[in-house]
N, C-alpha and C. Protein backbone atom coordinates (compact mmCIF):
# COMPACT_ATOMS: atom_id res chain seq x y z
N MET A 1 -16.87 -70.99 -30.46
CA MET A 1 -15.92 -70.12 -29.79
C MET A 1 -16.12 -70.76 -27.95
N THR A 2 -14.89 -70.68 -27.54
CA THR A 2 -14.81 -71.09 -26.37
C THR A 2 -15.30 -69.90 -25.51
N SER A 3 -15.71 -69.73 -24.42
CA SER A 3 -16.13 -68.24 -23.13
C SER A 3 -14.28 -68.00 -22.76
N LEU A 4 -13.63 -68.60 -22.80
CA LEU A 4 -11.98 -68.02 -22.09
C LEU A 4 -11.88 -67.05 -23.50
N ALA A 5 -12.31 -67.30 -24.70
CA ALA A 5 -12.07 -66.13 -25.69
C ALA A 5 -12.64 -65.02 -25.54
N LEU A 6 -13.28 -65.03 -24.59
CA LEU A 6 -14.13 -63.72 -24.03
C LEU A 6 -13.55 -63.14 -22.56
N GLU A 7 -12.65 -63.74 -22.13
CA GLU A 7 -12.35 -63.21 -21.01
C GLU A 7 -10.99 -62.55 -21.04
N ARG A 8 -10.56 -61.83 -19.98
CA ARG A 8 -9.36 -60.92 -20.22
C ARG A 8 -8.18 -61.34 -19.09
N CYS A 9 -6.97 -61.22 -19.56
CA CYS A 9 -5.88 -61.13 -18.50
C CYS A 9 -6.29 -60.05 -17.37
N ALA A 10 -5.77 -60.15 -16.18
CA ALA A 10 -6.15 -59.41 -15.75
C ALA A 10 -4.60 -58.68 -15.41
N LYS A 11 -4.53 -57.28 -16.08
CA LYS A 11 -3.11 -56.68 -15.92
C LYS A 11 -2.49 -56.35 -14.74
N GLY A 12 -1.75 -56.82 -14.39
CA GLY A 12 -1.08 -56.48 -12.80
C GLY A 12 -1.24 -57.18 -12.10
N GLN A 13 -2.33 -58.42 -12.30
CA GLN A 13 -1.86 -59.46 -11.23
C GLN A 13 -0.84 -60.72 -11.49
N ARG A 14 -0.72 -61.19 -10.61
CA ARG A 14 0.51 -62.47 -10.91
C ARG A 14 -0.19 -63.27 -11.32
N GLY A 15 -0.26 -64.48 -12.35
CA GLY A 15 -0.85 -65.85 -12.57
C GLY A 15 -1.14 -66.62 -11.35
N ILE A 16 -2.17 -67.08 -10.99
CA ILE A 16 -2.14 -68.57 -10.49
C ILE A 16 -1.91 -69.59 -10.92
N ARG A 17 -0.87 -70.52 -10.53
CA ARG A 17 -0.28 -71.73 -11.15
C ARG A 17 -1.33 -72.72 -11.51
N LEU A 18 -1.98 -73.61 -12.25
CA LEU A 18 -3.12 -74.15 -12.09
C LEU A 18 -2.12 -75.59 -11.45
N ASP A 19 -3.37 -76.49 -11.29
CA ASP A 19 -2.61 -78.29 -11.21
C ASP A 19 -3.29 -78.95 -12.13
N ASP A 20 -3.11 -80.17 -12.40
CA ASP A 20 -3.26 -80.74 -13.25
C ASP A 20 -4.70 -80.87 -13.74
N ALA A 21 -5.96 -81.00 -12.80
CA ALA A 21 -7.22 -81.35 -13.22
C ALA A 21 -7.60 -80.25 -13.71
N GLU A 22 -7.07 -78.53 -12.96
CA GLU A 22 -7.80 -77.84 -13.90
C GLU A 22 -7.08 -77.48 -15.57
N ILE A 23 -5.36 -77.83 -15.82
CA ILE A 23 -4.99 -78.16 -16.95
C ILE A 23 -5.70 -78.95 -17.64
N ALA A 24 -6.09 -80.03 -17.55
CA ALA A 24 -6.87 -80.66 -18.38
C ALA A 24 -8.14 -80.36 -18.27
N ALA A 25 -8.96 -79.85 -17.79
CA ALA A 25 -10.50 -79.85 -18.02
C ALA A 25 -10.42 -78.02 -19.11
N LEU A 26 -9.55 -77.14 -18.90
CA LEU A 26 -8.98 -76.16 -19.86
C LEU A 26 -8.96 -76.51 -20.86
N LEU A 27 -7.82 -77.89 -21.61
CA LEU A 27 -7.39 -78.32 -22.51
C LEU A 27 -9.19 -79.05 -23.21
N HIS A 28 -10.10 -79.29 -22.51
CA HIS A 28 -10.62 -79.54 -23.23
C HIS A 28 -11.54 -78.16 -24.04
N GLN A 29 -11.32 -76.99 -23.62
CA GLN A 29 -11.75 -75.94 -24.51
C GLN A 29 -11.36 -75.30 -25.79
N ILE A 30 -10.06 -75.99 -25.68
CA ILE A 30 -9.14 -75.51 -26.58
C ILE A 30 -8.61 -77.19 -27.54
N PRO A 31 -8.84 -77.58 -28.26
CA PRO A 31 -8.55 -79.12 -28.17
C PRO A 31 -7.39 -79.18 -29.36
N GLU A 32 -7.18 -78.38 -29.74
CA GLU A 32 -5.89 -78.61 -30.90
C GLU A 32 -4.78 -77.80 -30.16
N TRP A 33 -4.48 -77.77 -28.76
CA TRP A 33 -3.63 -76.92 -28.13
C TRP A 33 -3.06 -78.60 -26.78
N ALA A 34 -2.20 -78.81 -26.78
CA ALA A 34 -1.37 -79.56 -25.86
C ALA A 34 -0.21 -78.62 -24.91
N THR A 35 0.05 -79.77 -23.77
CA THR A 35 1.07 -79.56 -22.72
C THR A 35 2.30 -80.07 -23.59
N GLU A 36 3.57 -79.61 -22.96
CA GLU A 36 4.30 -80.11 -23.47
C GLU A 36 5.64 -79.46 -22.41
N ASN A 37 6.49 -80.21 -21.47
CA ASN A 37 7.35 -79.93 -21.18
C ASN A 37 7.04 -78.35 -19.88
N GLY A 38 5.93 -78.23 -19.55
CA GLY A 38 5.47 -77.30 -18.55
C GLY A 38 5.18 -76.48 -19.48
N LEU A 39 5.18 -76.44 -20.64
CA LEU A 39 4.19 -75.09 -21.92
C LEU A 39 3.07 -75.48 -22.03
N LEU A 40 2.60 -74.94 -22.53
CA LEU A 40 0.90 -74.69 -23.57
C LEU A 40 1.54 -74.53 -24.73
N ILE A 41 1.19 -75.64 -25.89
CA ILE A 41 1.96 -75.22 -27.15
C ILE A 41 0.67 -75.41 -28.04
N ARG A 42 0.83 -74.93 -29.13
CA ARG A 42 0.38 -75.61 -30.70
C ARG A 42 1.14 -74.87 -31.94
N THR A 43 1.40 -75.43 -32.80
CA THR A 43 1.81 -75.32 -34.03
C THR A 43 0.61 -74.64 -35.04
N TYR A 44 0.35 -73.59 -35.87
CA TYR A 44 -0.47 -73.47 -36.49
C TYR A 44 0.22 -73.36 -38.05
N LEU A 45 -0.51 -73.88 -39.16
CA LEU A 45 0.42 -73.79 -40.34
C LEU A 45 -0.41 -73.02 -41.31
N PHE A 46 0.16 -72.19 -42.26
CA PHE A 46 -0.62 -71.60 -42.97
C PHE A 46 0.11 -72.14 -44.67
N GLY A 47 -0.32 -71.17 -45.48
CA GLY A 47 -0.42 -71.29 -46.96
C GLY A 47 0.98 -71.08 -47.56
N ASP A 48 1.47 -69.95 -46.80
CA ASP A 48 2.59 -69.19 -47.60
C ASP A 48 3.42 -67.95 -46.36
N HIS A 49 4.51 -67.27 -46.55
CA HIS A 49 5.23 -66.77 -45.55
C HIS A 49 4.54 -65.37 -45.23
N TYR A 50 3.75 -64.85 -46.31
CA TYR A 50 2.89 -63.99 -45.97
C TYR A 50 1.72 -63.80 -44.91
N GLN A 51 1.21 -65.09 -44.76
CA GLN A 51 -0.11 -65.52 -43.93
C GLN A 51 0.67 -65.55 -42.27
N THR A 52 1.78 -66.44 -42.80
CA THR A 52 2.22 -66.70 -41.28
C THR A 52 2.59 -65.31 -40.52
N LEU A 53 3.03 -64.52 -41.72
CA LEU A 53 3.50 -63.20 -40.90
C LEU A 53 2.32 -62.33 -40.36
N ALA A 54 1.25 -62.16 -41.15
CA ALA A 54 0.01 -61.45 -41.06
C ALA A 54 -0.53 -62.21 -39.49
N PHE A 55 -0.68 -63.59 -38.94
CA PHE A 55 -0.84 -64.29 -38.01
C PHE A 55 -0.01 -63.88 -36.68
N VAL A 56 1.38 -63.91 -37.17
CA VAL A 56 1.75 -63.09 -35.75
C VAL A 56 1.66 -61.81 -35.69
N ASN A 57 1.51 -61.36 -36.53
CA ASN A 57 1.39 -59.81 -36.07
C ASN A 57 -0.04 -59.65 -35.53
N ALA A 58 -0.83 -60.51 -35.89
CA ALA A 58 -2.20 -60.64 -35.36
C ALA A 58 -2.17 -61.08 -33.83
N ALA A 59 -1.54 -62.05 -33.88
CA ALA A 59 -1.25 -62.76 -32.08
C ALA A 59 -0.49 -61.42 -31.49
N ALA A 60 0.69 -60.60 -31.96
CA ALA A 60 1.47 -59.96 -31.09
C ALA A 60 0.18 -58.45 -30.66
N TRP A 61 -0.76 -57.88 -31.57
CA TRP A 61 -1.58 -57.49 -31.18
C TRP A 61 -2.55 -57.73 -29.85
N VAL A 62 -3.01 -59.14 -29.85
CA VAL A 62 -3.69 -60.18 -29.06
C VAL A 62 -2.88 -60.13 -27.65
N SER A 63 -1.01 -60.49 -27.81
CA SER A 63 -0.28 -60.11 -27.07
C SER A 63 -0.43 -58.92 -26.12
N HIS A 64 -0.46 -57.76 -26.42
CA HIS A 64 -0.34 -56.42 -26.10
C HIS A 64 -0.96 -56.03 -25.33
N THR A 65 -2.53 -56.43 -26.01
CA THR A 65 -3.84 -55.85 -25.03
C THR A 65 -3.99 -56.98 -24.28
N GLU A 66 -3.52 -58.24 -23.69
CA GLU A 66 -3.85 -59.09 -22.63
C GLU A 66 -2.65 -58.94 -22.26
N ASP A 67 -1.29 -58.20 -21.72
CA ASP A 67 0.04 -58.14 -22.00
C ASP A 67 0.30 -59.25 -20.75
N HIS A 68 0.27 -60.66 -21.90
CA HIS A 68 0.43 -61.60 -21.82
C HIS A 68 1.14 -62.38 -22.87
N HIS A 69 2.74 -62.38 -22.87
CA HIS A 69 3.04 -62.91 -24.16
C HIS A 69 3.81 -64.11 -24.64
N PRO A 70 3.65 -64.92 -25.59
CA PRO A 70 3.94 -66.34 -25.95
C PRO A 70 5.13 -66.22 -26.40
N GLU A 71 6.37 -67.21 -26.55
CA GLU A 71 7.58 -67.46 -27.61
C GLU A 71 7.20 -67.82 -28.60
N LEU A 72 7.35 -67.47 -29.78
CA LEU A 72 6.79 -67.42 -31.04
C LEU A 72 7.94 -68.15 -32.10
N HIS A 73 8.12 -69.16 -32.44
CA HIS A 73 8.96 -69.80 -33.23
C HIS A 73 8.17 -69.40 -34.94
N ILE A 74 8.98 -68.88 -36.02
CA ILE A 74 8.21 -68.65 -36.79
C ILE A 74 9.15 -69.43 -38.05
N GLY A 75 8.70 -70.08 -39.00
CA GLY A 75 9.01 -70.60 -40.50
C GLY A 75 8.31 -70.34 -41.50
N TYR A 76 8.44 -70.55 -42.45
CA TYR A 76 7.97 -69.68 -44.25
C TYR A 76 6.73 -70.29 -43.78
N ASN A 77 5.56 -71.05 -42.95
CA ASN A 77 4.20 -71.75 -43.49
C ASN A 77 3.97 -71.97 -42.00
N ARG A 78 4.53 -71.25 -40.81
CA ARG A 78 3.97 -72.05 -39.71
C ARG A 78 4.66 -71.43 -38.49
N CYS A 79 3.97 -71.58 -37.75
CA CYS A 79 4.20 -70.50 -36.11
C CYS A 79 3.82 -71.52 -35.10
N ARG A 80 5.05 -71.88 -34.40
CA ARG A 80 5.11 -72.73 -32.81
C ARG A 80 4.24 -71.27 -32.19
N VAL A 81 3.38 -71.63 -31.12
CA VAL A 81 2.95 -70.79 -30.15
C VAL A 81 3.30 -71.35 -28.28
N GLU A 82 4.18 -70.74 -27.92
CA GLU A 82 4.80 -71.27 -26.56
C GLU A 82 3.91 -70.62 -25.61
N TYR A 83 3.19 -71.02 -24.76
CA TYR A 83 2.27 -70.09 -23.60
C TYR A 83 3.07 -70.47 -22.08
N SER A 84 3.51 -69.98 -21.22
CA SER A 84 3.67 -70.23 -19.82
C SER A 84 3.41 -68.80 -19.00
N THR A 85 3.14 -69.09 -17.64
CA THR A 85 3.37 -67.87 -17.02
C THR A 85 4.38 -67.98 -16.15
N HIS A 86 5.51 -66.54 -16.25
CA HIS A 86 6.64 -66.64 -15.36
C HIS A 86 6.56 -66.76 -14.28
N ASP A 87 5.42 -65.69 -14.16
CA ASP A 87 5.37 -65.34 -12.27
C ASP A 87 4.97 -66.43 -11.55
N CYS A 88 4.27 -67.24 -12.24
CA CYS A 88 3.96 -68.49 -10.66
C CYS A 88 4.78 -69.58 -11.55
N ASN A 89 5.76 -69.77 -12.34
CA ASN A 89 6.46 -70.74 -12.70
C ASN A 89 5.56 -71.74 -12.92
N GLY A 90 4.74 -71.73 -13.92
CA GLY A 90 3.96 -72.68 -14.84
C GLY A 90 2.86 -72.35 -15.44
N LEU A 91 1.55 -73.15 -15.53
CA LEU A 91 0.77 -72.38 -15.90
C LEU A 91 0.05 -71.95 -15.73
N SER A 92 -1.24 -70.94 -16.25
CA SER A 92 -2.09 -69.75 -15.49
C SER A 92 -3.33 -69.89 -16.29
N ARG A 93 -4.25 -69.75 -16.06
CA ARG A 93 -5.48 -69.08 -16.44
C ARG A 93 -5.50 -68.39 -18.51
N LYS A 94 -4.03 -67.31 -17.45
CA LYS A 94 -4.02 -66.40 -18.56
C LYS A 94 -3.60 -66.88 -19.87
N ASP A 95 -2.88 -68.38 -19.81
CA ASP A 95 -1.97 -68.99 -20.86
C ASP A 95 -3.61 -69.42 -21.92
N PHE A 96 -4.13 -70.06 -20.83
CA PHE A 96 -5.53 -70.42 -22.05
C PHE A 96 -6.27 -69.43 -22.26
N ILE A 97 -6.54 -68.45 -21.83
CA ILE A 97 -7.19 -67.10 -22.45
C ILE A 97 -6.81 -66.80 -23.80
N CYS A 98 -5.28 -66.70 -23.57
CA CYS A 98 -4.61 -65.95 -24.80
C CYS A 98 -4.45 -67.45 -26.04
N ALA A 99 -4.56 -68.47 -25.78
CA ALA A 99 -4.27 -69.35 -26.58
C ALA A 99 -6.05 -69.44 -27.20
N ALA A 100 -6.94 -69.27 -26.32
CA ALA A 100 -8.45 -69.24 -27.04
C ALA A 100 -8.74 -68.19 -28.03
N LYS A 101 -7.92 -67.24 -27.62
CA LYS A 101 -7.77 -66.03 -28.73
C LYS A 101 -7.51 -65.78 -29.41
N LEU A 102 -5.96 -66.98 -29.81
CA LEU A 102 -5.69 -66.86 -31.08
C LEU A 102 -6.06 -68.44 -31.58
N GLU A 103 -6.97 -68.97 -31.07
CA GLU A 103 -7.86 -69.90 -31.46
C GLU A 103 -8.89 -69.36 -32.74
N LYS A 104 -9.39 -68.23 -31.80
CA LYS A 104 -10.35 -67.58 -32.53
C LYS A 104 -9.59 -66.47 -33.19
N LEU A 105 -9.07 -66.34 -33.52
CA LEU A 105 -7.98 -65.41 -34.44
C LEU A 105 -7.76 -66.39 -35.95
N TYR A 106 -7.55 -67.24 -35.56
CA TYR A 106 -7.07 -68.85 -36.08
C TYR A 106 -8.66 -68.64 -37.28
N GLY A 107 -9.33 -69.08 -36.52
CA GLY A 107 -10.26 -69.84 -36.85
C GLY A 107 -10.99 -68.44 -37.77
N GLU A 108 -10.89 -67.28 -37.75
CA GLU A 108 -11.46 -66.40 -38.83
C GLU A 108 -10.50 -65.84 -39.64
N ARG A 109 -9.76 -66.18 -40.25
CA ARG A 109 -8.87 -65.68 -40.90
C ARG A 109 -8.50 -65.90 -42.36
N ASN A 110 -10.12 -67.06 -42.59
CA ASN A 110 -10.97 -67.26 -43.85
C ASN A 110 -12.15 -66.39 -44.21
């Protein structure tokens, strides 16, 4: 597990926009994720719709506890997650913290 998953998003604090070097360094800690059009993205795959929705509900809990919410695009056996920090108009450490928490969640599903 990456140490990012142990961090917390600071509630009420604006995100600080990361530069390209900082983004590249953090991506090494969550290798299944990528950047696309200014977003931090990953598509998770599942065996069926029930598993997909269980993950979505658990991801919603992570979002609630961290007060940082992704865009979720849900299909029968997949969920695409897109993070960005609106108040800094880019990617912040908050995005990477939450992505790492979802990685931990996904890894623990079995």
